[in-house]
């Protein structure tokens, strides 16, 4: 708890309204979140009043190791004391280490890495590489997909709400229903540079495709000579019970994008990793694609520490086990509230709870945070609350989160029934 928390909260909300975004202040107040986050450790976040919250949103999917994992913090602090940013005139040891680790851990013969600062940047680079490597211009993406909000990434993103205000976007993007391989086959032709797809749609409402979908997409790409970009920004690094979600279906991408959890919840970092034969254009001119802060020493040090923790503590397997516990508990809650909950689905610790409409999802999230558990709705499908807790979550945390959701739905039911 900090001195004068009421004053700090009022001043923070005032500055948000005047200097950040007044719409955010309205949203926070509508959700009853009139406080300020202050500190966090492991699975717990504390606000300025000292109240504790279980983090079941995970950033979303940023805090795979929990908040302030000591090994990641130590690695970053040591690097900051040594050299936090690069002059970019010499090779950087943390970047080399991180690239080598990713080449070892990613599926198939994925090898060459480019580091950036976010998932959207990783997608931008992957799209550019696909065009450079194939000489083709068109792309195929899926409806409901979320690949970021920069122009190229937004052109691939599949929700009209985010696309319409900024049109015309980049030409050459085609969208087909997610999970429908026949629809994909109809549009992937010799003009397509790449298909970009999430193994599981996160912002799209935690949609898990049929088991034959990704293997069929791989075959469709191969027949047309198109590349397959697998966006693992949200699903990668243990989240779904495997190091990379595409491994559930034995599919090897040509290019793989990462971000979110790669910085261990301490530093922002993104990356795209590609097969060697695709890298010729970037190798011939190493500055054809570049980023001032991409591959900076502090972020890469965080990435190295993160990957080592994931492997040494076998957190993907832990995510698989705890995900079963979480989904079982949520399905019990859903069975008690059939009017309000339509479905519970997911893999590992990426789980979606689909409600009867977006208002119920928002109200349930607000009631949950008031009871000390943080949930968050999906941007592309707001009737779905997505749960992505740290992979270090314990059974008692899961039990508490399920109990709170049950209580939240009881409160929502009373509110809606009273309103008629």
Protein backbone atom coordinates (compact mmCIF):
# COMPACT_ATOMS: atom_id res chain seq x y z
CA UNK A 1 0.00 0.00 0.00
CA UNK A 2 1.24 3.49 -0.83
CA UNK A 3 0.66 6.76 1.07
CA UNK A 4 -2.55 8.57 0.02
CA UNK A 5 -3.76 5.94 -2.46
CA UNK A 6 -7.04 7.81 -3.06
CA UNK A 7 -5.12 10.86 -4.25
CA UNK A 8 -2.86 8.74 -6.46
CA UNK A 9 -5.83 7.01 -8.09
CA UNK A 10 -7.68 10.28 -8.69
CA UNK A 11 -4.58 11.91 -10.15
CA UNK A 12 -3.84 8.91 -12.39
CA UNK A 13 -7.38 8.79 -13.79
CA UNK A 14 -7.31 12.56 -14.35
CA UNK A 15 -4.05 12.31 -16.31
CA UNK A 16 -5.42 9.37 -18.33
CA UNK A 17 -8.48 11.47 -19.21
CA UNK A 18 -6.41 14.53 -20.13
CA UNK A 19 -3.28 13.01 -21.67
CA UNK A 20 -3.76 9.31 -22.53
CA UNK A 21 -7.31 8.43 -23.62
CA UNK A 22 -10.59 9.51 -22.01
CA UNK A 23 -12.30 6.47 -23.53
CA UNK A 24 -10.12 4.19 -21.43
CA UNK A 25 -11.18 6.02 -18.28
CA UNK A 26 -14.84 5.47 -19.15
CA UNK A 27 -14.15 1.77 -19.72
CA UNK A 28 -12.28 1.39 -16.43
CA UNK A 29 -15.02 3.16 -14.50
CA UNK A 30 -17.75 1.12 -16.20
CA UNK A 31 -15.93 -2.02 -15.06
CA UNK A 32 -15.54 -0.68 -11.52
CA UNK A 33 -11.75 -0.53 -11.88
CA UNK A 34 -11.06 2.74 -10.09
CA UNK A 35 -7.66 1.85 -8.77
CA UNK A 36 -4.07 1.65 -10.04
CA UNK A 37 -1.90 -1.44 -10.43
CA UNK A 38 1.21 -1.17 -8.28
CA UNK A 39 3.24 -4.34 -7.94
CA UNK A 40 3.16 -8.00 -8.89
CA UNK A 41 4.88 -11.28 -8.15
CA UNK A 42 4.19 -14.73 -9.54
CA UNK A 43 0.46 -15.12 -10.12
CA UNK A 44 -0.54 -12.15 -7.92
CA UNK A 45 -1.03 -8.48 -8.81
CA UNK A 46 -1.48 -5.83 -6.11
CA UNK A 47 -3.04 -2.41 -6.47
CA UNK A 48 -2.18 0.81 -4.63
CA UNK A 49 -4.50 -0.18 -1.78
CA UNK A 50 -2.64 -3.45 -1.25
CA UNK A 51 -5.54 -5.53 -2.58
CA UNK A 52 -4.46 -8.77 -4.25
CA UNK A 53 -5.71 -10.12 -7.58
CA UNK A 54 -5.05 -13.48 -9.21
CA UNK A 55 -3.87 -12.79 -12.76
CA UNK A 56 -5.83 -15.11 -15.04
CA UNK A 57 -5.53 -12.85 -18.07
CA UNK A 58 -1.76 -13.07 -18.18
CA UNK A 59 -1.24 -9.87 -20.10
CA UNK A 60 -2.80 -11.62 -22.17
CA UNK A 61 -0.36 -14.51 -22.56
CA UNK A 62 2.62 -12.29 -21.69
CA UNK A 63 3.30 -13.64 -18.22
CA UNK A 64 4.00 -17.29 -18.98
CA UNK A 65 6.55 -17.34 -16.15
CA UNK A 66 4.43 -15.17 -13.88
CA UNK A 67 5.31 -11.66 -12.85
CA UNK A 68 8.92 -10.72 -12.07
CA UNK A 69 10.41 -14.17 -12.43
CA UNK A 70 13.70 -13.86 -10.51
CA UNK A 71 15.88 -15.43 -13.20
CA UNK A 72 14.56 -13.14 -15.90
CA UNK A 73 14.82 -10.06 -13.69
CA UNK A 74 18.37 -10.99 -12.73
CA UNK A 75 19.39 -11.50 -16.36
CA UNK A 76 17.97 -8.11 -17.36
CA UNK A 77 19.50 -6.26 -14.40
CA UNK A 78 22.92 -7.75 -15.11
CA UNK A 79 22.65 -6.76 -18.77
CA UNK A 80 21.48 -3.25 -17.92
CA UNK A 81 24.46 -2.75 -15.62
CA UNK A 82 26.73 -4.03 -18.39
CA UNK A 83 25.20 -2.47 -21.54
CA UNK A 84 21.42 -2.02 -21.85
CA UNK A 85 21.29 -0.78 -25.46
CA UNK A 86 23.50 -1.45 -28.46
CA UNK A 87 25.64 0.84 -30.62
CA UNK A 88 24.80 -1.63 -33.41
CA UNK A 89 28.32 -1.45 -34.80
CA UNK A 90 29.38 -4.84 -33.40
CA UNK A 91 27.73 -8.24 -32.89
CA UNK A 92 25.61 -8.58 -29.75
CA UNK A 93 26.10 -11.68 -27.58
CA UNK A 94 22.55 -11.85 -26.10
CA UNK A 95 21.00 -11.67 -29.58
CA UNK A 96 23.24 -14.47 -30.84
CA UNK A 97 22.41 -16.64 -27.82
CA UNK A 98 18.67 -16.09 -28.16
CA UNK A 99 18.67 -16.83 -31.89
CA UNK A 100 20.60 -20.06 -31.34
CA UNK A 101 18.18 -21.18 -28.61
CA UNK A 102 15.15 -20.46 -30.80
CA UNK A 103 16.68 -22.37 -33.70
CA UNK A 104 17.10 -25.33 -31.36
CA UNK A 105 13.57 -25.18 -29.94
CA UNK A 106 11.46 -24.29 -32.97
CA UNK A 107 10.11 -27.13 -35.12
CA UNK A 108 11.72 -28.50 -38.27
CA UNK A 109 14.56 -26.58 -39.88
CA UNK A 110 13.48 -23.10 -38.78
CA UNK A 111 16.76 -21.30 -38.13
CA UNK A 112 17.24 -17.62 -38.89
CA UNK A 113 15.75 -15.07 -36.50
CA UNK A 114 14.94 -11.40 -36.71
CA UNK A 115 14.16 -9.65 -33.43
CA UNK A 116 11.78 -6.73 -33.04
CA UNK A 117 9.65 -5.26 -30.27
CA UNK A 118 6.13 -6.68 -30.65
CA UNK A 119 3.93 -9.27 -32.28
CA UNK A 120 2.65 -6.83 -34.89
CA UNK A 121 6.23 -6.03 -35.91
CA UNK A 122 7.01 -9.74 -36.14
CA UNK A 123 4.05 -10.21 -38.48
CA UNK A 124 5.11 -7.22 -40.59
CA UNK A 125 8.55 -8.74 -41.03
CA UNK A 126 7.17 -12.18 -41.84
CA UNK A 127 4.93 -10.73 -44.56
CA UNK A 128 7.84 -8.80 -46.05
CA UNK A 129 10.06 -11.88 -46.05
CA UNK A 130 7.33 -13.92 -47.76
CA UNK A 131 7.09 -11.40 -50.58
CA UNK A 132 10.87 -11.11 -50.91
CA UNK A 133 11.36 -14.88 -50.96
CA UNK A 134 8.55 -15.76 -53.39
CA UNK A 135 8.22 -12.70 -55.60
CA UNK A 136 4.46 -13.00 -55.15
CA UNK A 137 2.12 -10.31 -53.84
CA UNK A 138 -1.05 -11.92 -52.41
CA UNK A 139 -1.76 -13.29 -48.93
CA UNK A 140 -4.50 -15.43 -47.44
CA UNK A 141 -5.62 -14.95 -43.82
CA UNK A 142 -8.63 -16.11 -41.83
CA UNK A 143 -11.79 -14.48 -40.57
CA UNK A 144 -11.58 -13.69 -36.87
CA UNK A 145 -7.78 -13.68 -36.96
CA UNK A 146 -5.77 -11.19 -34.95
CA UNK A 147 -2.27 -10.43 -36.20
CA UNK A 148 -1.81 -6.87 -34.93
CA UNK A 149 -2.91 -3.33 -35.74
CA UNK A 150 -0.09 -1.91 -37.85
CA UNK A 151 -1.03 -1.56 -41.53
CA UNK A 152 0.32 -4.87 -42.83
CA UNK A 153 -0.70 -6.85 -39.77
CA UNK A 154 -4.12 -5.15 -39.73
CA UNK A 155 -4.58 -6.10 -43.38
CA UNK A 156 -4.28 -9.73 -42.26
CA UNK A 157 -6.42 -9.26 -39.13
CA UNK A 158 -9.94 -10.52 -39.61
CA UNK A 159 -12.31 -8.19 -37.76
CA UNK A 160 -14.05 -5.41 -39.63
CA UNK A 161 -14.28 -3.16 -36.55
CA UNK A 162 -10.52 -2.65 -36.50
CA UNK A 163 -10.06 -2.59 -40.27
CA UNK A 164 -12.84 -0.28 -41.50
CA UNK A 165 -11.62 3.06 -40.03
CA UNK A 166 -8.24 2.69 -41.75
CA UNK A 167 -9.20 1.45 -45.18
CA UNK A 168 -7.87 1.22 -47.80
CA UNK A 169 -5.41 -1.19 -46.24
CA UNK A 170 -2.67 -3.06 -48.08
CA UNK A 171 -3.99 -4.70 -51.25
CA UNK A 172 -3.76 -8.39 -51.96
CA UNK A 173 -5.23 -9.89 -48.76
CA UNK A 174 -7.93 -12.54 -48.98
CA UNK A 175 -9.86 -13.82 -45.94
CA UNK A 176 -11.53 -17.21 -45.55
CA UNK A 177 -13.33 -18.86 -42.62
CA UNK A 178 -11.01 -20.24 -39.95
CA UNK A 179 -11.00 -24.02 -39.74
CA UNK A 180 -12.38 -24.48 -43.26
CA UNK A 181 -9.67 -26.14 -45.37
CA UNK A 182 -11.92 -26.37 -48.43
CA UNK A 183 -12.42 -22.60 -48.42
CA UNK A 184 -8.67 -22.18 -48.05
CA UNK A 185 -7.97 -24.45 -51.01
CA UNK A 186 -10.26 -22.39 -53.25
CA UNK A 187 -8.27 -19.15 -52.84
CA UNK A 188 -4.64 -20.28 -52.50
CA UNK A 189 -3.22 -20.06 -55.99
CA UNK A 190 0.08 -19.26 -57.71
CA UNK A 191 -0.30 -15.55 -56.86
CA UNK A 192 -0.22 -16.19 -53.10
CA UNK A 193 3.04 -15.50 -51.33
CA UNK A 194 1.87 -16.96 -48.02
CA UNK A 195 -0.99 -18.12 -45.88
CA UNK A 196 -0.88 -16.63 -42.39
CA UNK A 197 -2.78 -18.48 -39.68
CA UNK A 198 -2.92 -18.87 -35.92
CA UNK A 199 -2.89 -22.51 -34.77
CA UNK A 200 -5.60 -21.50 -32.28
CA UNK A 201 -7.34 -18.16 -32.61
CA UNK A 202 -6.80 -16.28 -29.35
CA UNK A 203 -8.45 -12.90 -29.85
CA UNK A 204 -10.92 -14.71 -32.10
CA UNK A 205 -12.39 -16.38 -29.02
CA UNK A 206 -9.98 -19.28 -28.36
CA UNK A 207 -11.14 -21.19 -31.42
CA UNK A 208 -9.44 -24.59 -31.78
CA UNK A 209 -9.59 -25.89 -35.37
CA UNK A 210 -10.40 -29.47 -36.44
CA UNK A 211 -7.42 -31.78 -36.06
CA UNK A 212 -6.93 -32.13 -39.82
CA UNK A 213 -7.04 -28.38 -40.50
CA UNK A 214 -3.42 -27.26 -40.08
CA UNK A 215 -1.99 -30.35 -41.87
CA UNK A 216 -4.37 -29.66 -44.76
CA UNK A 217 -3.36 -25.98 -44.87
CA UNK A 218 0.26 -27.11 -45.02
CA UNK A 219 -0.57 -29.37 -48.00
CA UNK A 220 -2.52 -26.59 -49.73
CA UNK A 221 0.46 -24.24 -49.42
CA UNK A 222 2.85 -26.86 -50.73
CA UNK A 223 0.69 -27.58 -53.80
CA UNK A 224 0.53 -23.89 -54.70
CA UNK A 225 4.13 -23.11 -53.84
CA UNK A 226 2.96 -20.66 -51.13
CA UNK A 227 4.64 -20.25 -47.79
CA UNK A 228 2.96 -21.01 -44.46
CA UNK A 229 3.33 -18.34 -41.77
CA UNK A 230 2.21 -19.63 -38.38
CA UNK A 231 1.45 -16.83 -35.93
CA UNK A 232 2.40 -18.11 -32.48
CA UNK A 233 2.52 -14.68 -30.83
CA UNK A 234 -0.13 -15.78 -28.34
CA UNK A 235 0.01 -19.58 -28.54
CA UNK A 236 3.77 -20.08 -28.51
CA UNK A 237 6.25 -20.86 -25.74
CA UNK A 238 4.35 -23.48 -23.79
CA UNK A 239 0.97 -21.78 -23.56
CA UNK A 240 -1.07 -24.62 -25.11
CA UNK A 241 0.81 -27.57 -23.59
CA UNK A 242 3.50 -27.84 -26.26
CA UNK A 243 6.39 -25.45 -26.81
CA UNK A 244 4.62 -24.32 -30.00
CA UNK A 245 0.95 -24.97 -30.72
CA UNK A 246 1.60 -26.13 -34.29
CA UNK A 247 3.38 -29.14 -32.77
CA UNK A 248 0.01 -30.51 -31.61
CA UNK A 249 -0.69 -31.26 -35.26
CA UNK A 250 2.84 -32.05 -36.43
CA UNK A 251 2.96 -29.05 -38.75
CA UNK A 252 6.17 -27.23 -39.59
CA UNK A 253 5.80 -23.61 -40.76
CA UNK A 254 8.04 -21.81 -43.21
CA UNK A 255 7.98 -18.72 -41.00
CA UNK A 256 6.94 -18.55 -37.34
CA UNK A 257 6.15 -15.36 -35.40
CA UNK A 258 6.61 -14.88 -31.66
CA UNK A 259 6.28 -12.14 -29.04
CA UNK A 260 4.32 -11.73 -25.78
CA UNK A 261 5.85 -14.43 -23.52
CA UNK A 262 9.29 -14.25 -25.14
CA UNK A 263 10.37 -11.41 -22.85
CA UNK A 264 9.41 -13.32 -19.72
CA UNK A 265 6.96 -10.61 -18.67
CA UNK A 266 9.90 -8.27 -18.06
CA UNK A 267 10.91 -6.89 -21.48
CA UNK A 268 9.00 -6.34 -24.76
CA UNK A 269 10.39 -8.43 -27.61
CA UNK A 270 9.08 -10.06 -30.77
CA UNK A 271 10.67 -12.29 -33.38
CA UNK A 272 10.09 -14.11 -36.63
CA UNK A 273 12.01 -17.28 -37.42
CA UNK A 274 12.36 -18.70 -40.94
CA UNK A 275 13.76 -21.64 -42.86
CA UNK A 276 17.28 -21.11 -44.26
CA UNK A 277 16.41 -21.09 -47.96
CA UNK A 278 14.02 -18.16 -47.44
CA UNK A 279 16.62 -15.89 -45.88
CA UNK A 280 18.60 -15.09 -49.04
CA UNK A 281 17.09 -11.64 -49.58
CA UNK A 282 17.80 -10.55 -46.02
CA UNK A 283 21.25 -12.11 -46.14
CA UNK A 284 22.24 -10.38 -49.37
CA UNK A 285 21.28 -7.04 -47.82
CA UNK A 286 21.27 -7.30 -44.00
CA UNK A 287 19.66 -3.86 -43.72
CA UNK A 288 16.80 -4.53 -46.12
CA UNK A 289 14.67 -5.00 -43.00
CA UNK A 290 15.82 -3.43 -39.72
CA UNK A 291 14.70 -2.13 -36.34
CA UNK A 292 16.49 0.42 -34.15
CA UNK A 293 15.60 -1.31 -30.90
CA UNK A 294 15.08 -4.83 -32.26
CA UNK A 295 17.47 -7.35 -30.74
CA UNK A 296 18.56 -4.96 -28.01
CA UNK A 297 20.73 -6.60 -25.34
CA UNK A 298 18.35 -6.21 -22.39
CA UNK A 299 15.37 -7.70 -24.23
CA UNK A 300 17.42 -10.56 -25.63
CA UNK A 301 18.85 -11.32 -22.18
CA UNK A 302 15.25 -11.62 -20.96
CA UNK A 303 14.45 -13.94 -23.87
CA UNK A 304 17.41 -16.23 -23.15
CA UNK A 305 16.47 -16.52 -19.48
CA UNK A 306 12.82 -17.14 -20.39
CA UNK A 307 13.57 -20.00 -22.77
CA UNK A 308 15.89 -21.64 -20.27
CA UNK A 309 13.24 -21.52 -17.54
CA UNK A 310 10.58 -22.91 -19.90
CA UNK A 311 12.81 -25.86 -20.81
CA UNK A 312 14.41 -26.59 -17.44
CA UNK A 313 11.12 -26.44 -15.54
CA UNK A 314 9.20 -28.18 -18.38
CA UNK A 315 6.46 -25.57 -18.23
CA UNK A 316 4.72 -26.70 -21.43
CA UNK A 317 3.91 -30.04 -19.77
CA UNK A 318 2.76 -28.20 -16.68
CA UNK A 319 0.47 -26.06 -18.84
CA UNK A 320 -1.07 -29.20 -20.31
CA UNK A 321 -1.77 -30.66 -16.86
CA UNK A 322 -3.09 -27.48 -15.27
CA UNK A 323 -5.13 -26.71 -18.37
CA UNK A 324 -7.08 -29.93 -17.85
CA UNK A 325 -7.77 -28.92 -14.25
CA UNK A 326 -8.86 -25.44 -15.30
CA UNK A 327 -11.19 -26.60 -18.07
CA UNK A 328 -12.75 -29.24 -15.83
CA UNK A 329 -13.46 -26.60 -13.18
CA UNK A 330 -14.85 -24.13 -15.69
CA UNK A 331 -17.13 -26.75 -17.21
CA UNK A 332 -18.57 -27.42 -13.77
CA UNK A 333 -19.28 -23.71 -13.44
CA UNK A 334 -20.81 -23.64 -16.92
CA UNK A 335 -23.11 -26.52 -16.04
CA UNK A 336 -24.47 -24.46 -13.14
CA UNK A 337 -25.13 -21.45 -15.40
CA UNK A 338 -26.43 -22.83 -18.71
CA UNK A 339 -28.38 -19.64 -19.40
CA UNK A 340 -25.24 -17.52 -19.44
CA UNK A 341 -22.40 -19.84 -20.52
CA UNK A 342 -22.45 -21.42 -23.97
CA UNK A 343 -19.07 -23.15 -24.13
CA UNK A 344 -15.69 -23.78 -22.51
CA UNK A 345 -12.82 -24.66 -24.86
CA UNK A 346 -9.08 -24.43 -25.32
CA UNK A 347 -5.75 -26.19 -25.10
CA UNK A 348 -3.37 -26.08 -22.18
CA UNK A 349 -3.62 -22.76 -20.38
CA UNK A 350 -5.28 -20.89 -23.24
CA UNK A 351 -8.96 -21.27 -22.43
CA UNK A 352 -12.08 -19.47 -23.62
CA UNK A 353 -15.40 -19.18 -21.82
CA UNK A 354 -18.12 -18.15 -24.26
CA UNK A 355 -21.05 -16.27 -22.75
CA UNK A 356 -24.53 -15.64 -24.12
CA UNK A 357 -23.56 -12.14 -25.27
CA UNK A 358 -20.76 -9.56 -24.86
CA UNK A 359 -22.55 -7.70 -22.05
CA UNK A 360 -22.58 -10.82 -19.89
CA UNK A 361 -18.86 -11.32 -20.58
CA UNK A 362 -18.09 -7.73 -19.60
CA UNK A 363 -20.26 -7.85 -16.49
CA UNK A 364 -18.79 -11.18 -15.41
CA UNK A 365 -15.26 -9.82 -15.86
CA UNK A 366 -16.13 -6.75 -13.79
CA UNK A 367 -17.66 -8.86 -11.02
CA UNK A 368 -14.61 -11.15 -11.06
CA UNK A 369 -12.06 -8.37 -10.70
CA UNK A 370 -14.10 -6.93 -7.84
CA UNK A 371 -13.63 -10.33 -6.16
CA UNK A 372 -9.90 -10.45 -6.84
CA UNK A 373 -9.50 -12.38 -10.12
CA UNK A 374 -8.50 -10.72 -13.42
CA UNK A 375 -10.20 -12.05 -16.56
CA UNK A 376 -10.27 -10.35 -19.97
CA UNK A 377 -12.58 -10.58 -22.97
CA UNK A 378 -11.33 -11.37 -26.48
CA UNK A 379 -10.90 -8.37 -28.79
CA UNK A 380 -12.28 -10.07 -31.90
CA UNK A 381 -15.05 -11.94 -30.10
CA UNK A 382 -16.02 -9.98 -26.98
CA UNK A 383 -18.61 -12.52 -25.82
CA UNK A 384 -15.65 -14.81 -25.02
CA UNK A 385 -13.57 -14.30 -21.88
CA UNK A 386 -10.08 -15.64 -22.46
CA UNK A 387 -8.08 -17.13 -19.60
CA UNK A 388 -4.31 -17.25 -20.01
CA UNK A 389 -2.83 -17.51 -16.50
CA UNK A 390 0.89 -17.94 -15.85
CA UNK A 391 2.13 -21.44 -16.57
CA UNK A 392 3.35 -21.61 -12.96
CA UNK A 393 -0.25 -21.46 -11.68
CA UNK A 394 -1.11 -23.83 -8.83
CA UNK A 395 -4.22 -25.96 -8.36
CA UNK A 396 -5.48 -23.76 -5.51
CA UNK A 397 -5.26 -20.71 -7.79
CA UNK A 398 -7.36 -22.53 -10.38
CA UNK A 399 -9.93 -23.56 -7.79
CA UNK A 400 -10.15 -19.97 -6.54
CA UNK A 401 -10.59 -18.58 -10.07
CA UNK A 402 -13.41 -21.03 -10.83
CA UNK A 403 -15.14 -20.22 -7.55
CA UNK A 404 -14.93 -16.50 -8.28
CA UNK A 405 -16.37 -16.96 -11.78
CA UNK A 406 -19.25 -18.90 -10.23
CA UNK A 407 -19.87 -16.05 -7.77
CA UNK A 408 -19.56 -13.48 -10.55
CA UNK A 409 -22.18 -15.24 -12.67
CA UNK A 410 -24.55 -15.43 -9.73
CA UNK A 411 -24.17 -11.67 -9.31
CA UNK A 412 -24.66 -11.07 -13.04
CA UNK A 413 -27.79 -13.19 -13.05
CA UNK A 414 -29.26 -11.20 -10.17
CA UNK A 415 -28.43 -7.91 -11.91
CA UNK A 416 -29.90 -8.89 -15.26
CA UNK A 417 -32.99 -10.53 -13.80
CA UNK A 418 -33.64 -7.44 -11.66
CA UNK A 419 -33.31 -5.28 -14.79
CA UNK A 420 -35.92 -7.44 -16.51
